[in-house]
C-alpha atoms as a PDB file:
ATOM      1  CA  MET A   1     -10.524  -1.490 -16.160  1.00  0.00           C
ATOM      2  CA  ALA A   2     -12.767   0.694 -14.055  1.00  0.00           C
ATOM      3  CA  GLY A   3     -10.791   3.591 -12.606  1.00  0.00           C
ATOM      4  CA  ALA A   4     -10.747   4.936  -9.104  1.00  0.00           C
ATOM      5  CA  GLY A   5     -10.257   8.569  -8.180  1.00  0.00           C
ATOM      6  CA  GLY A   6      -7.319  10.098  -6.360  1.00  0.00           C
ATOM      7  CA  SER A   7      -5.054  13.118  -6.407  1.00  0.00           C
ATOM      8  CA  ALA A   8      -1.445  14.140  -5.923  1.00  0.00           C
ATOM      9  CA  ASP A   9      -0.280  16.865  -3.593  1.00  0.00           C
ATOM     10  CA  GLY A  10       0.089  19.415  -6.365  1.00  0.00           C
ATOM     11  CA  SER A  11       3.857  19.954  -6.085  1.00  0.00           C
ATOM     12  CA  GLY A  12       6.101  19.638  -9.118  1.00  0.00           C
ATOM     13  CA  GLY A  13       9.109  17.457  -9.906  1.00  0.00           C
ATOM     14  CA  ASP A  14       9.531  14.064  -8.294  1.00  0.00           C
ATOM     15  CA  VAL A  15       6.752  13.502  -5.799  1.00  0.00           C
ATOM     16  CA  GLU A  16       6.429  10.541  -3.454  1.00  0.00           C
ATOM     17  CA  LYS A  17       2.916   9.198  -2.860  1.00  0.00           C
ATOM     18  CA  SER A  18       1.857   5.866  -1.429  1.00  0.00           C
ATOM     19  CA  ALA A  19      -0.833   3.669  -2.905  1.00  0.00           C
ATOM     20  CA  ASP A  20      -2.405   3.535   0.543  1.00  0.00           C
ATOM     21  CA  ARG A  21      -3.082   7.282   0.393  1.00  0.00           C
ATOM     22  CA  ALA A  22      -4.457   6.874  -3.127  1.00  0.00           C
ATOM     23  CA  ASP A  23      -6.707   4.025  -1.975  1.00  0.00           C
ATOM     24  CA  GLN A  24      -8.001   6.161   0.909  1.00  0.00           C
ATOM     25  CA  LYS A  25      -8.887   8.873  -1.578  1.00  0.00           C
ATOM     26  CA  ALA A  26     -10.479   6.404  -4.014  1.00  0.00           C
ATOM     27  CA  GLY A  27     -14.192   6.412  -4.565  1.00  0.00           C
ATOM     28  CA  GLY A  28     -14.742   9.784  -6.176  1.00  0.00           C
ATOM     29  CA  ALA A  29     -12.249  12.113  -4.512  1.00  0.00           C
ATOM     30  CA  ALA A  30     -10.844  13.143  -7.895  1.00  0.00           C
ATOM     31  CA  ASP A  31     -14.343  13.716  -9.227  1.00  0.00           C
ATOM     32  CA  GLU A  32     -15.134  15.833  -6.166  1.00  0.00           C
ATOM     33  CA  GLN A  33     -11.873  17.740  -6.650  1.00  0.00           C
ATOM     34  CA  ASP A  34     -12.651  18.223 -10.361  1.00  0.00           C
ATOM     35  CA  THR A  35     -16.076  19.632  -9.528  1.00  0.00           C
ATOM     36  CA  LYS A  36     -14.774  21.687  -6.590  1.00  0.00           C
ATOM     37  CA  ALA A  37     -11.987  23.169  -8.727  1.00  0.00           C
ATOM     38  CA  ALA A  38     -14.512  24.125 -11.381  1.00  0.00           C
ATOM     39  CA  ASP A  39     -16.895  25.594  -8.818  1.00  0.00           C
ATOM     40  CA  ASP A  40     -14.118  27.552  -7.058  1.00  0.00           C
ATOM     41  CA  THR A  41     -12.600  29.096 -10.181  1.00  0.00           C
ATOM     42  CA  ASP A  42     -15.375  29.481 -12.739  1.00  0.00           C
ATOM     43  CA  THR A  43     -17.931  32.220 -12.925  1.00  0.00           C
ATOM     44  CA  PRO A  44     -20.546  32.654 -15.649  1.00  0.00           C
ATOM     45  CA  GLY A  45     -18.366  35.306 -17.333  1.00  0.00           C
ATOM     46  CA  ASP A  46     -15.205  33.149 -17.377  1.00  0.00           C
ATOM     47  CA  ALA A  47     -13.420  32.327 -20.613  1.00  0.00           C
ATOM     48  CA  GLU A  48     -13.759  28.672 -19.557  1.00  0.00           C
ATOM     49  CA  ALA A  49     -17.560  28.870 -19.520  1.00  0.00           C
ATOM     50  CA  PRO A  50     -17.878  27.132 -22.947  1.00  0.00           C
ATOM     51  CA  ALA A  51     -16.151  24.066 -21.441  1.00  0.00           C
ATOM     52  CA  ARG A  52     -18.871  23.658 -18.796  1.00  0.00           C
ATOM     53  CA  LEU A  53     -21.036  20.592 -19.153  1.00  0.00           C
ATOM     54  CA  LEU A  54     -24.713  21.102 -18.245  1.00  0.00           C
ATOM     55  CA  GLY A  55     -23.709  23.186 -15.220  1.00  0.00           C
ATOM     56  CA  LEU A  56     -22.034  20.175 -13.576  1.00  0.00           C
ATOM     57  CA  GLY A  57     -18.497  21.576 -13.772  1.00  0.00           C
ATOM     58  CA  LEU A  58     -15.784  21.457 -16.359  1.00  0.00           C
ATOM     59  CA  ALA A  59     -15.748  18.489 -18.689  1.00  0.00           C
ATOM     60  CA  THR A  60     -12.647  16.285 -18.380  1.00  0.00           C
ATOM     61  CA  ALA A  61     -11.162  14.940 -21.598  1.00  0.00           C
ATOM     62  CA  ALA A  62      -9.292  11.630 -21.341  1.00  0.00           C
ATOM     63  CA  ARG A  63      -6.899  10.005 -23.800  1.00  0.00           C
ATOM     64  CA  CYS A  64      -6.238   6.479 -22.566  1.00  0.00           C
ATOM     65  CA  GLY A  65      -4.144   3.634 -23.825  1.00  0.00           C
ATOM     66  CA  PRO A  66      -5.314   0.034 -23.740  1.00  0.00           C
ATOM     67  CA  ASP A  67      -6.051  -1.887 -20.552  1.00  0.00           C
ATOM     68  CA  LEU A  68      -3.017  -4.195 -20.245  1.00  0.00           C
ATOM     69  CA  THR A  69      -2.363  -7.273 -18.110  1.00  0.00           C
ATOM     70  CA  SER A  70       1.043  -8.835 -17.508  1.00  0.00           C
ATOM     71  CA  PRO A  71       1.582 -12.587 -17.021  1.00  0.00           C
ATOM     72  CA  ASP A  72       2.781 -11.702 -13.496  1.00  0.00           C
ATOM     73  CA  GLY A  73      -0.638 -10.308 -12.504  1.00  0.00           C
ATOM     74  CA  ILE A  74      -0.343  -6.531 -12.928  1.00  0.00           C
ATOM     75  CA  GLU A  75      -3.236  -4.863 -14.715  1.00  0.00           C
ATOM     76  CA  ALA A  76      -3.005  -1.174 -15.729  1.00  0.00           C
ATOM     77  CA  GLN A  77      -4.408   1.531 -17.944  1.00  0.00           C
ATOM     78  CA  THR A  78      -2.724   4.926 -18.335  1.00  0.00           C
ATOM     79  CA  CYS A  79      -4.415   8.166 -19.390  1.00  0.00           C
ATOM     80  CA  VAL A  80      -3.681  11.826 -20.048  1.00  0.00           C
ATOM     81  CA  LEU A  81      -6.498  13.951 -18.625  1.00  0.00           C
ATOM     82  CA  THR A  82      -7.325  17.573 -19.417  1.00  0.00           C
ATOM     83  CA  GLN A  83      -9.818  19.786 -17.639  1.00  0.00           C
ATOM     84  CA  GLY A  84     -10.014  23.470 -18.513  1.00  0.00           C
ATOM     85  CA  ASP A  85      -6.424  24.691 -18.698  1.00  0.00           C
ATOM     86  CA  ARG A  86      -4.971  21.822 -16.599  1.00  0.00           C
ATOM     87  CA  THR A  87      -3.432  18.555 -17.799  1.00  0.00           C
ATOM     88  CA  TRP A  88      -2.201  15.563 -15.787  1.00  0.00           C
ATOM     89  CA  ALA A  89      -1.512  11.838 -16.092  1.00  0.00           C
ATOM     90  CA  ARG A  90      -3.232   9.030 -14.217  1.00  0.00           C
ATOM     91  CA  THR A  91      -2.759   5.273 -14.224  1.00  0.00           C
ATOM     92  CA  TYR A  92      -5.359   2.879 -12.883  1.00  0.00           C
ATOM     93  CA  TYR A  93      -3.945  -0.426 -11.687  1.00  0.00           C
ATOM     94  CA  ARG A  94      -4.644  -3.701  -9.913  1.00  0.00           C
ATOM     95  CA  ASN A  95      -1.826  -5.732  -8.350  1.00  0.00           C
ATOM     96  CA  ALA A  96      -2.617  -9.445  -8.165  1.00  0.00           C
ATOM     97  CA  THR A  97       1.030 -10.522  -7.755  1.00  0.00           C
ATOM     98  CA  GLY A  98       0.750 -10.921  -3.988  1.00  0.00           C
ATOM     99  CA  ARG A  99       3.801  -8.706  -3.384  1.00  0.00           C
ATOM    100  CA  GLU A 100       4.457  -5.016  -3.038  1.00  0.00           C
ATOM    101  CA  LEU A 101       5.661  -3.223  -6.160  1.00  0.00           C
ATOM    102  CA  SER A 102       6.737   0.247  -7.148  1.00  0.00           C
ATOM    103  CA  SER A 103       5.463   2.301 -10.027  1.00  0.00           C
ATOM    104  CA  VAL A 104       6.812   5.346 -11.832  1.00  0.00           C
ATOM    105  CA  LEU A 105       4.317   7.460 -13.767  1.00  0.00           C
ATOM    106  CA  SER A 106       5.813   9.948 -16.234  1.00  0.00           C
ATOM    107  CA  MET A 107       3.963  12.590 -18.223  1.00  0.00           C
ATOM    108  CA  MET A 108       5.794  14.089 -21.181  1.00  0.00           C
ATOM    109  CA  ALA A 109       4.662  17.577 -22.194  1.00  0.00           C
ATOM    110  CA  PRO A 110       5.562  19.800 -25.153  1.00  0.00           C
ATOM    111  CA  GLY A 111       9.017  21.369 -25.081  1.00  0.00           C
ATOM    112  CA  GLY A 112      10.672  18.395 -23.372  1.00  0.00           C
ATOM    113  CA  HIS A 113       9.000  19.054 -19.999  1.00  0.00           C
ATOM    114  CA  THR A 114       8.488  15.866 -17.965  1.00  0.00           C
ATOM    115  CA  VAL A 115       6.680  15.293 -14.678  1.00  0.00           C
ATOM    116  CA  ARG A 116       7.370  12.076 -12.785  1.00  0.00           C
ATOM    117  CA  ILE A 117       5.808  10.581  -9.664  1.00  0.00           C
ATOM    118  CA  HIS A 118       6.792   7.450  -7.729  1.00  0.00           C
ATOM    119  CA  CYS A 119       3.981   5.351  -6.242  1.00  0.00           C
ATOM    120  CA  ALA A 120       4.116   2.402  -3.861  1.00  0.00           C
ATOM    121  CA  VAL A 121       1.781  -0.364  -5.043  1.00  0.00           C
ATOM    122  CA  GLY A 122       0.414  -2.452  -2.188  1.00  0.00           C
ATOM    123  CA  ALA A 123       0.333  -6.247  -2.222  1.00  0.00           C
ATOM    124  CA  HIS A 124      -3.473  -6.355  -2.141  1.00  0.00           C
ATOM    125  CA  ASP A 125      -5.681  -7.121  -5.143  1.00  0.00           C
ATOM    126  CA  GLU A 126      -7.681  -3.894  -4.982  1.00  0.00           C
ATOM    127  CA  PRO A 127      -7.925  -1.190  -7.655  1.00  0.00           C
ATOM    128  CA  GLY A 128      -5.502   1.671  -7.151  1.00  0.00           C
ATOM    129  CA  VAL A 129      -4.499   4.902  -8.824  1.00  0.00           C
ATOM    130  CA  CYS A 130      -1.318   6.899  -9.307  1.00  0.00           C
ATOM    131  CA  GLU A 131      -1.589  10.477 -10.545  1.00  0.00           C
ATOM    132  CA  THR A 132       0.804  13.313 -11.412  1.00  0.00           C
ATOM    133  CA  PRO A 133       0.189  16.859 -10.219  1.00  0.00           C
ATOM    134  CA  ARG A 134      -2.011  18.972 -12.490  1.00  0.00           C
ATOM    135  CA  GLU A 135      -0.154  21.512 -14.557  1.00  0.00           C
ATOM    136  CA  ARG A 136      -1.166  24.354 -16.828  1.00  0.00           C
ATOM    137  CA  THR A 137      -1.675  22.950 -20.339  1.00  0.00           C
ATOM    138  CA  ARG A 138       1.106  23.968 -22.724  1.00  0.00           C
ATOM    139  CA  GLY A 139       0.183  23.783 -26.391  1.00  0.00           C
ATOM    140  CA  GLY A 140      -2.275  21.194 -27.648  1.00  0.00           C
ATOM    141  CA  THR A 141      -3.426  18.361 -25.422  1.00  0.00           C
ATOM    142  CA  GLY A 142      -2.539  15.847 -28.144  1.00  0.00           C
ATOM    143  CA  ALA A 143       1.136  16.640 -27.537  1.00  0.00           C
ATOM    144  CA  TYR A 144       1.016  15.003 -24.065  1.00  0.00           C
ATOM    145  CA  THR A 145       1.818  11.360 -23.420  1.00  0.00           C
ATOM    146  CA  ALA A 146       2.111   9.313 -20.243  1.00  0.00           C
ATOM    147  CA  VAL A 147       3.848   6.050 -19.345  1.00  0.00           C
ATOM    148  CA  ALA A 148       3.582   3.983 -16.150  1.00  0.00           C
ATOM    149  CA  GLU A 149       6.138   1.300 -15.309  1.00  0.00           C
ATOM    150  CA  PHE A 150       5.696  -1.368 -12.627  1.00  0.00           C
ATOM    151  CA  ALA A 151       8.591  -3.302 -11.020  1.00  0.00           C
ATOM    152  CA  ALA A 152       9.841  -4.705  -7.714  1.00  0.00           C
ATOM    153  CA  PRO A 153      10.281  -1.923  -5.127  1.00  0.00           C
ATOM    154  CA  ASP A 154      13.993  -2.619  -4.633  1.00  0.00           C
ATOM    155  CA  GLY A 155      14.733  -2.482  -8.352  1.00  0.00           C
ATOM    156  CA  GLY A 156      16.131  -6.005  -8.101  1.00  0.00           C
ATOM    157  CA  GLY A 157      13.783  -7.550 -10.620  1.00  0.00           C
ATOM    158  CA  PRO A 158      12.661  -7.092 -14.198  1.00  0.00           C
ATOM    159  CA  LEU A 159      10.143  -4.561 -15.440  1.00  0.00           C
ATOM    160  CA  LEU A 160       6.757  -6.244 -14.968  1.00  0.00           C
ATOM    161  CA  LEU A 161       4.526  -3.950 -17.043  1.00  0.00           C
ATOM    162  CA  ARG A 162       4.752  -0.736 -19.052  1.00  0.00           C
ATOM    163  CA  SER A 163       1.448   0.984 -19.770  1.00  0.00           C
ATOM    164  CA  GLY A 164       1.096   4.061 -21.979  1.00  0.00           C
ATOM    165  CA  SER A 165      -1.554   6.626 -22.860  1.00  0.00           C
ATOM    166  CA  ASN A 166      -0.992   6.126 -26.580  1.00  0.00           C
ATOM    167  CA  SER A 167      -3.640   3.805 -27.967  1.00  0.00           C
ATOM    168  CA  GLY A 168      -1.580   2.912 -31.033  1.00  0.00           C
ATOM    169  CA  ARG A 169      -4.520   3.821 -33.277  1.00  0.00           C
ATOM    170  CA  SER A 170      -4.079   6.407 -35.991  1.00  0.00           C
END
């Protein structure tokens, strides 16, 4: 699934963000933010300088699970992203169910630390994104996992899809 860009508001804990805001920011906003963040914080003498990629900003590493599709029409792929000393989770989705849904994206970090964000998923069949705030990386990036769950917004129905960042490959 081709991903779209977007960003959270940067606060911790449970954060509410609508898919409409994510859709408005789609089309490279995350890439612009990634580049802007690198340009604002990095100087040639920085310790992060080895992570720079051809002078275009910091490289972003992504560990993504498989692109999954439910029989109900939800399509999603969930990733853990790391750039410099920041790590966050992002799920790319498409909702072809014809009804609004809710999504919860959780990122589990070393030491039992968890970040969770709730996203409204519009009833339109357009690509969307849900993303946790970026946090300082704790330990190795391989210790992070993310899971996105999609269900009816009122909680009155079954879980429609669970998408994780773990590819299942050893």
